[in-house]
Amino acid sequence: MDLDWQTPEEAGKKWGIKVRRVQTLCSNGRVDGAIRLGRVWLIPKETSKPIDARTRAARKQSAH
C-alpha cells in the first residue's frame, strides 16, 4: 500500500498551526503515523490534527 505524505509545512497550513508546533507534536509522538527521515518529518495526508492537550476538550477526554 502506497501512502501519500505531507511535510510539517503542509500539515501546519492544513491544521492552522505553525510548522514548529507540528514538529514538536511529531517529536512527542502525538501525530499518528509520522516518521522521521533524516531531519525531515513525514506525516500521512489522512492524519488528523491531534487534540491540543491544553484545552478543556483534552482534559475532558483524558478523564474518561
C-alpha atoms as a PDB file:
ATOM      1  CA  MET A   1       0.000   0.000   0.000  1.00  0.00           C
ATOM      2  CA  ASP A   2       1.401   3.371  -1.033  1.00  0.00           C
ATOM      3  CA  LEU A   3       0.705   6.244   1.362  1.00  0.00           C
ATOM      4  CA  ASP A   4       0.630   9.894   0.435  1.00  0.00           C
ATOM      5  CA  TRP A   5       2.832  12.001   2.692  1.00  0.00           C
ATOM      6  CA  GLN A   6       2.900  15.643   3.673  1.00  0.00           C
ATOM      7  CA  THR A   7       5.594  17.795   5.249  1.00  0.00           C
ATOM      8  CA  PRO A   8       5.195  19.652   8.538  1.00  0.00           C
ATOM      9  CA  GLU A   9       4.771  22.856   6.491  1.00  0.00           C
ATOM     10  CA  GLU A  10       1.812  21.380   4.606  1.00  0.00           C
ATOM     11  CA  ALA A  11       0.293  19.928   7.781  1.00  0.00           C
ATOM     12  CA  GLY A  12       0.676  23.265   9.571  1.00  0.00           C
ATOM     13  CA  LYS A  13      -1.216  25.113   6.846  1.00  0.00           C
ATOM     14  CA  LYS A  14      -3.926  22.450   6.806  1.00  0.00           C
ATOM     15  CA  TRP A  15      -4.297  22.381  10.609  1.00  0.00           C
ATOM     16  CA  GLY A  16      -3.886  26.139  11.152  1.00  0.00           C
ATOM     17  CA  ILE A  17      -0.782  25.898  13.359  1.00  0.00           C
ATOM     18  CA  LYS A  18       2.885  26.813  12.975  1.00  0.00           C
ATOM     19  CA  VAL A  19       5.468  24.451  11.491  1.00  0.00           C
ATOM     20  CA  ARG A  20       7.476  24.318  14.723  1.00  0.00           C
ATOM     21  CA  ARG A  21       4.371  23.178  16.635  1.00  0.00           C
ATOM     22  CA  VAL A  22       3.822  20.369  14.102  1.00  0.00           C
ATOM     23  CA  GLN A  23       7.453  19.293  14.506  1.00  0.00           C
ATOM     24  CA  THR A  24       7.081  19.298  18.305  1.00  0.00           C
ATOM     25  CA  LEU A  25       3.907  17.211  18.092  1.00  0.00           C
ATOM     26  CA  CYS A  26       5.748  14.721  15.863  1.00  0.00           C
ATOM     27  CA  SER A  27       8.724  14.572  18.248  1.00  0.00           C
ATOM     28  CA  ASN A  28       6.415  13.886  21.181  1.00  0.00           C
ATOM     29  CA  GLY A  29       4.671  11.048  19.321  1.00  0.00           C
ATOM     30  CA  ARG A  30       1.329  12.865  19.161  1.00  0.00           C
ATOM     31  CA  VAL A  31       0.917  12.636  15.349  1.00  0.00           C
ATOM     32  CA  ASP A  32      -0.273   9.201  14.240  1.00  0.00           C
ATOM     33  CA  GLY A  33       1.915   7.606  11.577  1.00  0.00           C
ATOM     34  CA  ALA A  34       4.555  10.357  11.493  1.00  0.00           C
ATOM     35  CA  ILE A  35       8.044   9.131  10.632  1.00  0.00           C
ATOM     36  CA  ARG A  36      11.371  10.875  10.523  1.00  0.00           C
ATOM     37  CA  LEU A  37      13.690  10.560   7.537  1.00  0.00           C
ATOM     38  CA  GLY A  38      16.961  12.236   8.430  1.00  0.00           C
ATOM     39  CA  ARG A  39      15.996  15.758   9.505  1.00  0.00           C
ATOM     40  CA  VAL A  40      12.552  15.753   7.873  1.00  0.00           C
ATOM     41  CA  TRP A  41       9.240  14.569   9.346  1.00  0.00           C
ATOM     42  CA  LEU A  42       6.768  12.855   7.015  1.00  0.00           C
ATOM     43  CA  ILE A  43       3.111  12.769   8.006  1.00  0.00           C
ATOM     44  CA  PRO A  44       0.419  10.667   6.298  1.00  0.00           C
ATOM     45  CA  LYS A  45      -2.004  13.005   4.479  1.00  0.00           C
ATOM     46  CA  GLU A  46      -5.080  11.406   6.054  1.00  0.00           C
ATOM     47  CA  THR A  47      -3.813  12.054   9.613  1.00  0.00           C
ATOM     48  CA  SER A  48      -5.978  14.479  11.539  1.00  0.00           C
ATOM     49  CA  LYS A  49      -4.735  17.220  13.853  1.00  0.00           C
ATOM     50  CA  PRO A  50      -4.077  15.957  17.392  1.00  0.00           C
ATOM     51  CA  ILE A  51      -6.187  17.425  20.193  1.00  0.00           C
ATOM     52  CA  ASP A  52      -4.415  20.280  21.974  1.00  0.00           C
ATOM     53  CA  ALA A  53      -3.632  18.959  25.465  1.00  0.00           C
ATOM     54  CA  ARG A  54      -4.024  22.467  26.921  1.00  0.00           C
ATOM     55  CA  THR A  55      -7.749  22.708  26.106  1.00  0.00           C
ATOM     56  CA  ARG A  56     -10.847  21.802  28.049  1.00  0.00           C
ATOM     57  CA  ALA A  57     -11.749  19.178  25.417  1.00  0.00           C
ATOM     58  CA  ALA A  58      -8.472  17.326  26.050  1.00  0.00           C
ATOM     59  CA  ARG A  59      -8.953  17.334  29.803  1.00  0.00           C
ATOM     60  CA  LYS A  60     -12.487  16.050  29.320  1.00  0.00           C
ATOM     61  CA  GLN A  61     -11.249  13.256  27.030  1.00  0.00           C
ATOM     62  CA  SER A  62      -8.478  12.184  29.432  1.00  0.00           C
ATOM     63  CA  ALA A  63     -10.965  11.981  32.324  1.00  0.00           C
ATOM     64  CA  HIS A  64     -12.796   9.097  30.640  1.00  0.00           C
END
